Protein backbone atom coordinates (compact mmCIF):
# COMPACT_ATOMS: atom_id res chain seq x y z
CA UNK A 1 -21.35 5.17 56.52
CA UNK A 2 -22.61 6.04 53.59
CA UNK A 3 -24.96 2.94 51.79
CA UNK A 4 -28.39 2.40 50.35
CA UNK A 5 -30.79 5.08 51.48
CA UNK A 6 -34.20 3.31 52.72
CA UNK A 7 -36.43 4.40 55.46
CA UNK A 8 -33.38 6.13 57.46
CA UNK A 9 -30.45 7.63 56.43
CA UNK A 10 -27.04 7.31 58.28
CA UNK A 11 -23.43 9.37 58.20
CA UNK A 12 -23.59 12.59 56.74
CA UNK A 13 -27.14 12.19 55.17
CA UNK A 14 -28.86 11.25 58.71
CA UNK A 15 -30.04 15.20 58.55
CA UNK A 16 -31.90 14.59 55.27
CA UNK A 17 -33.84 11.61 56.30
CA UNK A 18 -36.84 13.64 58.50
CA UNK A 19 -38.16 16.46 55.73
CA UNK A 20 -40.38 13.67 53.62
CA UNK A 21 -42.59 13.32 56.63
CA UNK A 22 -42.27 16.91 58.65
CA UNK A 23 -43.21 18.42 54.99
CA UNK A 24 -46.11 16.04 54.04
CA UNK A 25 -48.32 19.89 52.54
CA UNK A 26 -45.34 20.95 50.22
CA UNK A 27 -43.52 19.36 48.16
CA UNK A 28 -42.72 15.79 50.14
CA UNK A 29 -45.28 14.10 48.62
CA UNK A 30 -43.86 14.33 45.33
CA UNK A 31 -40.37 13.21 45.83
CA UNK A 32 -40.88 9.75 47.71
CA UNK A 33 -42.43 7.48 45.30
CA UNK A 34 -40.76 7.46 42.01
CA UNK A 35 -43.77 4.95 41.00
CA UNK A 36 -45.74 8.35 41.21
CA UNK A 37 -43.30 10.11 38.85
CA UNK A 38 -43.60 7.77 35.69
CA UNK A 39 -47.38 8.54 35.48
CA UNK A 40 -47.55 11.93 35.18
CA UNK A 41 -43.93 12.31 33.37
CA UNK A 42 -45.49 10.37 30.46
CA UNK A 43 -48.76 12.54 30.12
CA UNK A 44 -46.42 15.48 30.26
CA UNK A 45 -43.81 13.96 27.56
CA UNK A 46 -46.01 14.13 24.63
CA UNK A 47 -46.15 18.06 24.86
CA UNK A 48 -43.13 19.14 23.21
CA UNK A 49 -43.13 17.09 20.05
CA UNK A 50 -45.49 19.38 18.06
CA UNK A 51 -42.40 21.89 17.94
CA UNK A 52 -39.53 19.91 17.16
CA UNK A 53 -38.26 22.44 14.93
CA UNK A 54 -36.13 25.22 16.37
CA UNK A 55 -38.59 26.23 19.26
CA UNK A 56 -37.82 23.61 21.50
CA UNK A 57 -34.08 25.39 21.37
CA UNK A 58 -35.59 28.64 22.47
CA UNK A 59 -38.08 27.22 25.29
CA UNK A 60 -34.76 25.36 26.43
CA UNK A 61 -32.67 28.55 26.91
CA UNK A 62 -35.42 30.64 27.95
CA UNK A 63 -35.17 28.85 31.14
CA UNK A 64 -31.48 27.90 31.23
CA UNK A 65 -30.85 30.60 33.99
CA UNK A 66 -33.35 29.73 36.48
CA UNK A 67 -32.34 25.88 35.66
CA UNK A 68 -29.03 25.95 35.92
CA UNK A 69 -29.00 28.07 39.36
CA UNK A 70 -31.47 25.84 40.84
CA UNK A 71 -28.83 22.88 39.78
CA UNK A 72 -25.87 24.71 41.03
CA UNK A 73 -27.69 25.22 44.69
CA UNK A 74 -29.22 21.21 44.96
CA UNK A 75 -25.27 20.27 42.93
CA UNK A 76 -23.69 22.30 45.80
CA UNK A 77 -25.79 21.03 48.82
CA UNK A 78 -25.36 17.07 47.69
CA UNK A 79 -21.43 17.51 47.69
CA UNK A 80 -21.91 19.31 51.25
CA UNK A 81 -24.09 16.01 52.33
CA UNK A 82 -22.73 13.22 50.35
CA UNK A 83 -19.78 10.81 51.23
CA UNK A 84 -17.69 10.30 48.34
CA UNK A 85 -15.31 8.00 49.38
CA UNK A 86 -18.59 5.66 50.08
CA UNK A 87 -20.01 6.76 46.49
CA UNK A 88 -16.68 5.20 44.99
CA UNK A 89 -17.45 2.08 46.92
CA UNK A 90 -21.28 1.22 45.19
CA UNK A 91 -21.74 -0.04 41.69
CA UNK A 92 -23.21 2.76 39.14
CA UNK A 93 -26.66 1.70 39.69
CA UNK A 94 -26.90 1.63 43.28
CA UNK A 95 -24.72 4.83 43.46
CA UNK A 96 -26.93 6.42 40.86
CA UNK A 97 -30.00 5.37 43.22
CA UNK A 98 -28.26 6.89 46.11
CA UNK A 99 -27.94 10.12 44.28
CA UNK A 100 -31.50 10.36 43.22
CA UNK A 101 -32.65 9.56 47.00
CA UNK A 102 -30.03 12.46 48.49
CA UNK A 103 -31.37 15.07 45.45
CA UNK A 104 -35.27 14.45 46.34
CA UNK A 105 -34.67 15.15 49.99
CA UNK A 106 -32.71 18.41 49.29
CA UNK A 107 -35.31 19.30 46.84
CA UNK A 108 -38.01 19.00 49.40
CA UNK A 109 -36.19 20.63 51.92
CA UNK A 110 -35.04 23.58 50.14
CA UNK A 111 -38.81 23.91 48.81
CA UNK A 112 -37.79 24.39 44.75
CA UNK A 113 -40.84 25.32 43.17
CA UNK A 114 -40.25 22.09 40.08
CA UNK A 115 -42.85 20.53 38.47
CA UNK A 116 -42.41 16.61 37.96
CA UNK A 117 -40.82 16.20 34.39
CA UNK A 118 -38.24 19.70 35.59
CA UNK A 119 -37.52 17.41 38.72
CA UNK A 120 -37.09 14.15 37.38
CA UNK A 121 -34.32 16.17 34.27
CA UNK A 122 -32.72 17.62 37.37
CA UNK A 123 -32.01 14.53 39.19
CA UNK A 124 -31.09 12.88 35.49
CA UNK A 125 -28.43 15.71 34.79
CA UNK A 126 -27.17 15.91 38.32
CA UNK A 127 -26.50 12.04 38.03
CA UNK A 128 -24.96 12.35 34.62
CA UNK A 129 -22.39 14.80 35.82
CA UNK A 130 -21.60 13.17 39.25
CA UNK A 131 -21.14 9.77 37.72
CA UNK A 132 -20.91 9.93 34.04
CA UNK A 133 -20.07 12.38 31.03
CA UNK A 134 -22.74 15.10 31.92
CA UNK A 135 -25.12 16.23 28.95
CA UNK A 136 -23.50 13.70 26.77
CA UNK A 137 -24.67 10.68 28.57
CA UNK A 138 -28.16 10.58 26.67
CA UNK A 139 -26.37 10.75 23.26
CA UNK A 140 -23.73 7.93 24.37
CA UNK A 141 -26.68 5.51 25.21
CA UNK A 142 -27.78 5.51 21.92
CA UNK A 143 -26.72 3.35 19.81
CA UNK A 144 -28.53 4.76 16.75
CA UNK A 145 -25.76 7.52 16.72
CA UNK A 146 -22.73 7.23 14.90
CA UNK A 147 -21.18 10.61 15.85
CA UNK A 148 -21.99 13.21 18.45
CA UNK A 149 -20.09 16.75 17.16
CA UNK A 150 -20.41 19.72 20.40
CA UNK A 151 -19.25 22.39 18.81
CA UNK A 152 -19.12 24.89 21.51
CA UNK A 153 -21.22 25.23 24.95
CA UNK A 154 -24.35 26.33 22.92
CA UNK A 155 -24.18 23.63 19.93
CA UNK A 156 -24.46 19.56 19.14
CA UNK A 157 -24.86 17.77 16.61
CA UNK A 158 -25.25 14.08 16.02
CA UNK A 159 -25.01 11.48 12.80
CA UNK A 160 -28.02 9.14 12.80
CA UNK A 161 -28.60 6.86 9.47
CA UNK A 162 -25.59 8.72 7.66
CA UNK A 163 -27.19 12.31 8.53
CA UNK A 164 -25.75 15.34 10.63
CA UNK A 165 -28.79 16.89 12.44
CA UNK A 166 -28.53 19.44 15.42
CA UNK A 167 -29.37 17.66 18.72
CA UNK A 168 -31.31 19.79 21.99
CA UNK A 169 -28.23 18.87 24.22
CA UNK A 170 -26.08 22.20 25.38
CA UNK A 171 -24.05 22.32 28.27
CA UNK A 172 -23.60 25.56 31.02
CA UNK A 173 -21.25 26.88 29.64
CA UNK A 174 -17.62 26.09 27.88
CA UNK A 175 -16.29 25.40 31.32
CA UNK A 176 -18.50 22.59 32.10
CA UNK A 177 -18.11 21.27 28.57
CA UNK A 178 -14.01 21.89 28.82
CA UNK A 179 -14.04 19.70 32.56
CA UNK A 180 -16.14 17.26 30.71
CA UNK A 181 -13.14 16.66 27.91
CA UNK A 182 -10.47 16.89 30.89
CA UNK A 183 -12.74 13.80 32.54
CA UNK A 184 -12.37 11.98 29.16
CA UNK A 185 -8.59 12.25 28.27
CA UNK A 186 -7.62 11.79 31.60
CA UNK A 187 -8.95 8.23 31.93
CA UNK A 188 -5.99 7.34 28.94
CA UNK A 189 -3.46 9.45 30.66
CA UNK A 190 -3.45 12.09 29.04
CA UNK A 191 -4.52 15.63 29.33
CA UNK A 192 -6.63 18.69 27.57
CA UNK A 193 -5.73 22.36 28.16
CA UNK A 194 -4.33 26.14 27.18
CA UNK A 195 -0.78 24.42 26.87
CA UNK A 196 -1.86 21.02 25.35
CA UNK A 197 -4.93 21.82 23.36
CA UNK A 198 -5.53 18.96 21.34
CA UNK A 199 -5.86 15.52 22.35
CA UNK A 200 -7.20 12.02 20.78
CA UNK A 201 -8.66 9.65 23.58
CA UNK A 202 -11.03 7.03 23.56
CA UNK A 203 -14.17 6.02 25.74
CA UNK A 204 -14.17 2.90 27.88
CA UNK A 205 -16.40 1.49 25.26
CA UNK A 206 -13.64 2.14 22.19
CA UNK A 207 -14.85 5.22 21.08
CA UNK A 208 -12.74 7.41 19.64
CA UNK A 209 -12.35 11.30 21.00
CA UNK A 210 -11.12 13.82 19.72
CA UNK A 211 -10.89 17.38 21.78
CA UNK A 212 -9.49 20.86 20.60
CA UNK A 213 -9.76 23.57 23.37
CA UNK A 214 -9.36 27.24 23.40
CA UNK A 215 -6.98 28.91 22.18
CA UNK A 216 -6.87 27.19 18.71
CA UNK A 217 -10.91 26.90 18.99
CA UNK A 218 -12.59 30.23 19.18
CA UNK A 219 -15.68 29.45 20.24
CA UNK A 220 -15.33 27.15 23.05
CA UNK A 221 -14.10 23.48 23.18
CA UNK A 222 -14.95 21.82 20.19
CA UNK A 223 -15.95 17.89 21.13
CA UNK A 224 -15.87 15.24 18.71
CA UNK A 225 -16.67 11.05 19.30
CA UNK A 226 -16.90 8.59 16.85
CA UNK A 227 -19.24 6.19 18.74
CA UNK A 228 -18.39 2.45 18.47
CA UNK A 229 -21.14 0.33 17.85
CA UNK A 230 -22.25 -2.24 21.27
CA UNK A 231 -23.42 -4.85 18.55
CA UNK A 232 -19.85 -5.64 16.44
CA UNK A 233 -21.00 -6.17 13.06
CA UNK A 234 -19.98 -8.63 10.75
CA UNK A 235 -20.27 -9.71 7.13
CA UNK A 236 -23.10 -11.06 6.91
CA UNK A 237 -24.51 -7.85 8.48
CA UNK A 238 -23.16 -5.81 5.80
CA UNK A 239 -25.17 -8.05 3.39
CA UNK A 240 -28.39 -7.31 5.08
CA UNK A 241 -27.80 -3.37 5.20
CA UNK A 242 -26.64 -3.68 1.35
CA UNK A 243 -23.10 -2.53 1.86
CA UNK A 244 -21.99 -5.80 -0.41
CA UNK A 245 -23.77 -8.67 -1.99
CA UNK A 246 -23.79 -12.44 -0.28
CA UNK A 247 -20.86 -13.51 -3.27
CA UNK A 248 -19.13 -9.95 -2.18
CA UNK A 249 -18.80 -10.71 1.43
CA UNK A 250 -17.74 -14.85 0.60
CA UNK A 251 -15.01 -13.12 -1.42
CA UNK A 252 -14.11 -10.97 1.31
CA UNK A 253 -13.63 -13.68 4.12
CA UNK A 254 -12.01 -15.85 1.27
CA UNK A 255 -9.44 -12.90 0.99
CA UNK A 256 -9.10 -12.70 4.83
CA UNK A 257 -8.86 -16.55 5.29
CA UNK A 258 -5.75 -16.77 2.45
CA UNK A 259 -3.50 -14.44 4.09
CA UNK A 260 -3.94 -12.15 1.40
CA UNK A 261 -2.05 -8.12 2.03
CA UNK A 262 -5.04 -5.91 2.33
CA UNK A 263 -5.20 -2.10 2.58
CA UNK A 264 -9.15 -0.74 3.16
CA UNK A 265 -9.39 2.72 1.46
CA UNK A 266 -11.80 4.83 1.59
CA UNK A 267 -13.39 8.18 2.95
CA UNK A 268 -13.67 10.05 6.20
CA UNK A 269 -16.77 8.00 7.72
CA UNK A 270 -16.73 5.41 5.24
CA UNK A 271 -16.56 2.72 7.34
CA UNK A 272 -12.56 1.17 7.12
CA UNK A 273 -12.76 0.95 10.41
CA UNK A 274 -15.98 -1.39 10.55
CA UNK A 275 -14.41 -3.20 7.60
CA UNK A 276 -11.07 -3.94 8.82
CA UNK A 277 -12.93 -5.63 11.90
CA UNK A 278 -15.14 -7.43 9.64
CA UNK A 279 -12.33 -8.96 7.76
CA UNK A 280 -9.91 -9.64 11.01
CA UNK A 281 -12.46 -12.18 12.11
CA UNK A 282 -11.40 -14.42 9.40
CA UNK A 283 -7.97 -14.63 11.25
CA UNK A 284 -7.12 -18.26 12.11
CA UNK A 285 -7.43 -18.43 16.21
CA UNK A 286 -4.01 -19.53 16.28
CA UNK A 287 -1.99 -16.30 14.76
CA UNK A 288 -0.28 -13.99 16.83
CA UNK A 289 -1.77 -10.57 15.85
CA UNK A 290 -0.31 -7.13 16.77
CA UNK A 291 -2.10 -4.42 16.35
CA UNK A 292 -1.18 -0.57 16.01
CA UNK A 293 -3.74 2.47 16.15
CA UNK A 294 -3.22 6.19 17.38
CA UNK A 295 -6.30 5.26 19.37
CA UNK A 296 -7.21 1.50 19.87
CA UNK A 297 -10.61 0.93 18.22
CA UNK A 298 -10.25 -2.43 16.68
CA UNK A 299 -12.16 -5.23 18.49
CA UNK A 300 -10.31 -8.52 17.91
CA UNK A 301 -11.90 -11.50 18.83
CA UNK A 302 -9.06 -14.14 18.34
CA UNK A 303 -6.81 -15.10 21.82
CA UNK A 304 -3.71 -14.16 20.95
CA UNK A 305 -4.14 -10.15 19.96
CA UNK A 306 -1.14 -7.61 21.13
CA UNK A 307 -2.88 -4.07 20.75
CA UNK A 308 -0.35 -1.38 20.76
CA UNK A 309 -1.51 3.04 20.75
CA UNK A 310 0.83 5.42 20.43
CA UNK A 311 1.55 8.43 22.72
CA UNK A 312 1.71 11.94 22.21
CA UNK A 313 4.25 14.46 23.54
CA UNK A 314 4.15 15.33 27.11
CA UNK A 315 4.16 18.76 27.92
CA UNK A 316 8.01 19.49 27.60
CA UNK A 317 7.78 18.26 23.58
CA UNK A 318 9.32 14.70 24.50
CA UNK A 319 8.05 11.22 24.70
CA UNK A 320 6.40 11.04 21.90
CA UNK A 321 6.18 7.68 20.40
CA UNK A 322 4.93 7.49 16.76
CA UNK A 323 3.10 5.17 14.54
CA UNK A 324 6.59 4.31 12.87
CA UNK A 325 7.97 3.46 16.33
CA UNK A 326 5.07 0.81 16.66
CA UNK A 327 5.63 -0.88 13.10
CA UNK A 328 9.27 -0.83 13.80
CA UNK A 329 8.79 -2.98 17.31
CA UNK A 330 6.34 -4.90 15.58
CA UNK A 331 8.74 -6.64 13.72
CA UNK A 332 10.65 -7.76 16.92
CA UNK A 333 7.89 -9.13 18.75
CA UNK A 334 7.37 -11.69 16.07
CA UNK A 335 4.03 -11.48 14.70
CA UNK A 336 2.40 -13.47 11.72
CA UNK A 337 -0.19 -10.47 11.38
CA UNK A 338 0.58 -6.76 11.36
CA UNK A 339 -3.02 -4.77 11.33
CA UNK A 340 -2.32 -0.83 11.57
CA UNK A 341 -5.80 0.80 12.50
CA UNK A 342 -4.62 3.73 9.89
CA UNK A 343 -1.93 4.56 7.91
CA UNK A 344 -1.26 8.19 7.63
CA UNK A 345 2.47 8.82 6.84
CA UNK A 346 6.21 7.51 6.57
CA UNK A 347 4.92 4.16 8.80
CA UNK A 348 3.73 3.38 5.36
CA UNK A 349 6.98 2.01 4.26
CA UNK A 350 7.59 -0.16 7.15
CA UNK A 351 4.09 -1.78 6.68
CA UNK A 352 4.79 -2.69 3.33
CA UNK A 353 8.50 -3.73 4.30
CA UNK A 354 6.62 -6.44 6.94
CA UNK A 355 3.86 -7.42 4.04
CA UNK A 356 6.67 -8.18 1.67
CA UNK A 357 8.97 -10.23 4.51
CA UNK A 358 6.68 -13.05 5.60
CA UNK A 359 4.03 -11.23 7.77
CA UNK A 360 1.63 -12.07 5.31
CA UNK A 361 -2.05 -11.10 5.73
CA UNK A 362 -1.21 -7.54 7.25
CA UNK A 363 -3.73 -5.01 6.81
CA UNK A 364 -4.27 -1.49 7.31
CA UNK A 365 -6.29 1.42 6.35
CA UNK A 366 -5.49 4.87 4.26
CA UNK A 367 -7.65 7.82 3.35
CA UNK A 368 -8.10 7.57 -0.29
CA UNK A 369 -11.42 8.04 -2.82
CA UNK A 370 -9.88 5.43 -5.28
CA UNK A 371 -7.87 2.05 -5.43
CA UNK A 372 -5.78 3.84 -7.40
CA UNK A 373 -5.44 7.20 -5.77
CA UNK A 374 -4.81 4.66 -2.87
CA UNK A 375 -1.82 3.23 -4.29
CA UNK A 376 -0.64 7.21 -5.21
CA UNK A 377 -0.86 8.22 -1.48
CA UNK A 378 1.21 5.50 -0.29
CA UNK A 379 4.22 6.65 -2.99
CA UNK A 380 3.28 10.25 -1.24
CA UNK A 381 3.98 9.07 2.29
CA UNK A 382 7.00 7.25 1.79
CA UNK A 383 8.46 10.54 0.35
CA UNK A 384 7.40 11.94 3.07
CA UNK A 385 9.63 9.92 5.27
CA UNK A 386 12.90 11.39 3.25
CA UNK A 387 13.23 8.06 1.46
CA UNK A 388 15.51 9.38 -1.97
CA UNK A 389 13.88 5.98 -4.18
CA UNK A 390 13.48 5.95 -7.90
CA UNK A 391 9.48 5.88 -8.27
CA UNK A 392 9.94 2.85 -10.02
CA UNK A 393 11.28 1.02 -7.13
CA UNK A 394 8.78 2.44 -4.86
CA UNK A 395 6.27 1.48 -7.15
CA UNK A 396 7.86 -2.09 -6.66
CA UNK A 397 7.64 -2.11 -3.37
CA UNK A 398 4.11 -1.49 -3.26
CA UNK A 399 3.10 -4.44 -6.12
CA UNK A 400 4.89 -6.68 -4.29
CA UNK A 401 3.46 -6.09 -0.74
CA UNK A 402 -0.35 -5.11 -1.28
CA UNK A 403 -2.37 -7.73 -2.89
CA UNK A 404 -5.79 -6.46 -2.58
CA UNK A 405 -6.91 -2.69 -1.79
CA UNK A 406 -10.63 -2.74 -0.45
CA UNK A 407 -12.36 0.46 -1.32
CA UNK A 408 -15.35 1.73 1.05
CA UNK A 409 -17.43 4.58 0.36
CA UNK A 410 -19.87 6.73 2.16
CA UNK A 411 -22.36 7.98 -0.44
CA UNK A 412 -24.88 11.33 -0.78
CA UNK A 413 -27.39 9.67 0.80
CA UNK A 414 -25.61 8.37 3.90
CA UNK A 415 -25.54 5.06 2.97
CA UNK A 416 -22.26 3.22 2.96
CA UNK A 417 -20.82 1.04 0.17
CA UNK A 418 -18.23 -1.53 -0.54
CA UNK A 419 -17.45 0.38 -3.95
CA UNK A 420 -14.51 -1.70 -5.37
CA UNK A 421 -12.52 -4.70 -4.64
CA UNK A 422 -9.61 -4.55 -6.54
CA UNK A 423 -6.02 -6.40 -6.89
CA UNK A 424 -3.07 -5.53 -7.18
CA UNK A 425 -1.59 -7.25 -10.30
CA UNK A 426 2.10 -6.19 -10.95
CA UNK A 427 4.03 -3.63 -13.07
CA UNK A 428 4.32 -2.92 -16.87
CA UNK A 429 6.90 -0.57 -16.91
CA UNK A 430 6.67 2.14 -14.56
CA UNK A 431 2.61 1.77 -14.26
CA UNK A 432 1.24 -0.74 -11.33
CA UNK A 433 -1.13 -2.47 -13.04
CA UNK A 434 -4.91 -3.52 -10.93
CA UNK A 435 -7.46 -5.06 -11.66
CA UNK A 436 -10.83 -4.86 -10.76
CA UNK A 437 -12.76 -8.02 -9.10
CA UNK A 438 -16.21 -6.23 -8.20
CA UNK A 439 -17.43 -2.40 -8.76
CA UNK A 440 -20.74 -0.72 -7.34
CA UNK A 441 -22.33 1.46 -10.25
CA UNK A 442 -24.97 4.26 -9.03
CA UNK A 443 -28.30 3.81 -11.33
CA UNK A 444 -30.29 6.49 -9.70
CA UNK A 445 -32.15 7.20 -6.62
CA UNK A 446 -35.68 6.55 -5.52
CA UNK A 447 -38.76 8.91 -4.72
CA UNK A 448 -36.97 9.51 -1.31
CA UNK A 449 -33.76 10.07 -2.64
CA UNK A 450 -31.98 7.14 -1.42
CA UNK A 451 -29.39 5.85 -3.91
CA UNK A 452 -30.24 2.73 -5.89
CA UNK A 453 -27.18 1.17 -7.22
CA UNK A 454 -25.96 -3.05 -7.90
CA UNK A 455 -22.40 -4.57 -7.55
CA UNK A 456 -21.09 -5.56 -10.90
CA UNK A 457 -18.75 -8.56 -11.36
CA UNK A 458 -15.76 -7.56 -13.66
CA UNK A 459 -15.94 -11.22 -14.92
CA UNK A 460 -12.93 -12.21 -13.53
CA UNK A 461 -12.61 -15.95 -13.02
CA UNK A 462 -9.09 -16.47 -12.05
CA UNK A 463 -7.85 -13.69 -9.89
CA UNK A 464 -4.24 -13.18 -9.51
CA UNK A 465 -4.51 -14.47 -5.78
CA UNK A 466 -5.67 -18.26 -7.59
CA UNK A 467 -2.57 -20.00 -6.25
CA UNK A 468 -2.41 -19.00 -2.48
CA UNK A 469 -6.25 -20.03 -2.59
CA UNK A 470 -5.53 -23.30 -4.10
CA UNK A 471 -2.64 -23.13 -1.38
CA UNK A 472 -5.66 -22.79 1.54
CA UNK A 473 -7.71 -24.79 -0.32
CA UNK A 474 -10.36 -22.29 -0.86
CA UNK A 475 -10.00 -22.33 -4.70
CA UNK A 476 -13.05 -23.77 -5.11
CA UNK A 477 -15.11 -21.65 -2.47
CA UNK A 478 -13.52 -19.29 -4.36
CA UNK A 479 -14.46 -20.00 -8.12
CA UNK A 480 -18.36 -20.81 -7.06
CA UNK A 481 -18.06 -17.34 -5.27
CA UNK A 482 -16.94 -15.40 -8.88
CA UNK A 483 -19.09 -17.90 -10.78
CA UNK A 484 -22.12 -16.15 -8.68
CA UNK A 485 -21.33 -12.98 -8.91
CA UNK A 486 -21.06 -13.61 -12.80
CA UNK A 487 -24.55 -14.69 -12.79
CA UNK A 488 -26.16 -12.00 -10.81
CA UNK A 489 -24.24 -9.92 -13.37
CA UNK A 490 -26.15 -11.45 -16.05
């Protein structure tokens, strides 16, 4: 039986119990007492910080061979000793403690010459390898990291505070990295190898994962993780971070509440999905919402939500379910709102048709740098679907479907801002007419290189969706928000 290890072992691990008493004069005195480990670990910990530049990486690589050889021996002994079927029955914390106990015993038996800090690092690494995602675990545990970018076994970058920096995390080799990639994608029923080298997946917490493996990735597997924050952001927090003003946040609340059809436009990493999550909080609890995504990221709080996800083709090139297939199927599921995580192809036509045929309040995101470019991209994506419609007809469909475009941007200092809230008003001849309700204007930068700017009202006091707001009894609040924005401008 493989259970909690205390004063005596059982099952396969019985042979490991005596060593602490038998070898009292060697390393046995160190492993059995976790409370002793804590004090020296704190004393030794401050040593690396003064050399935070490139030196820690060199220092780590200088002992890589010996460290990984020791780790390989300990890991092999652990696999021979442990009962994996019993380990699987334990919760994560109990399993981690069990593995630490056995590894401590193995280190004592084999009499490895290791400092306490090295032993702690080895224990943590092995636990992460067995129970988690190996060297990625410390990065996944940090909530301040937005992106993890692994460029082969020897190079890992992270995004913190909008800036990309190199991490000290390394993998033993490309084989270990590919093994971890396979572990991640297998959880959602997908695979990555030479025959299927590109894969999108997600972690249990909703973080988005992309893997591209050799032979397409020349220097080893490239793994990119867009982390999902444990704390779900809301508009109040976006106001606190300066992404939008309080008055602008009220305007966005009303837009979500009165069932405007919204497209969130922005570049990669500009916060489109985060903003979409914020807007969906203002959907009424009694509405049936269906989401379509390539990789499920949205976290809607309403009770009546159906989540759909695309499927790539199998190894024979069959069985693919595209975004367009999902959006088409949505129309047969009696949705009240359809939310498309990211519009990137001909499915935009089906989404526009849905918005224009009674599914008010539908939302989606699109990659574009300005609201005007967003409209142009929609036209291009409809053309990609093979539709031979006149340009004016396509623009009329867009005008009749989209009410508001919210533009998000990631500025050069790493900050994220909502830079425009734009209404689609109508057509004048062959041209789509839009009007900005709010814009973000950059005034300069401070001594630390942070951009200084402000959200400005454009002076519109009666937006095009005013009648819709009045229908939902939101006209007074809308008027107050626009008046407040105008006063801030003055």
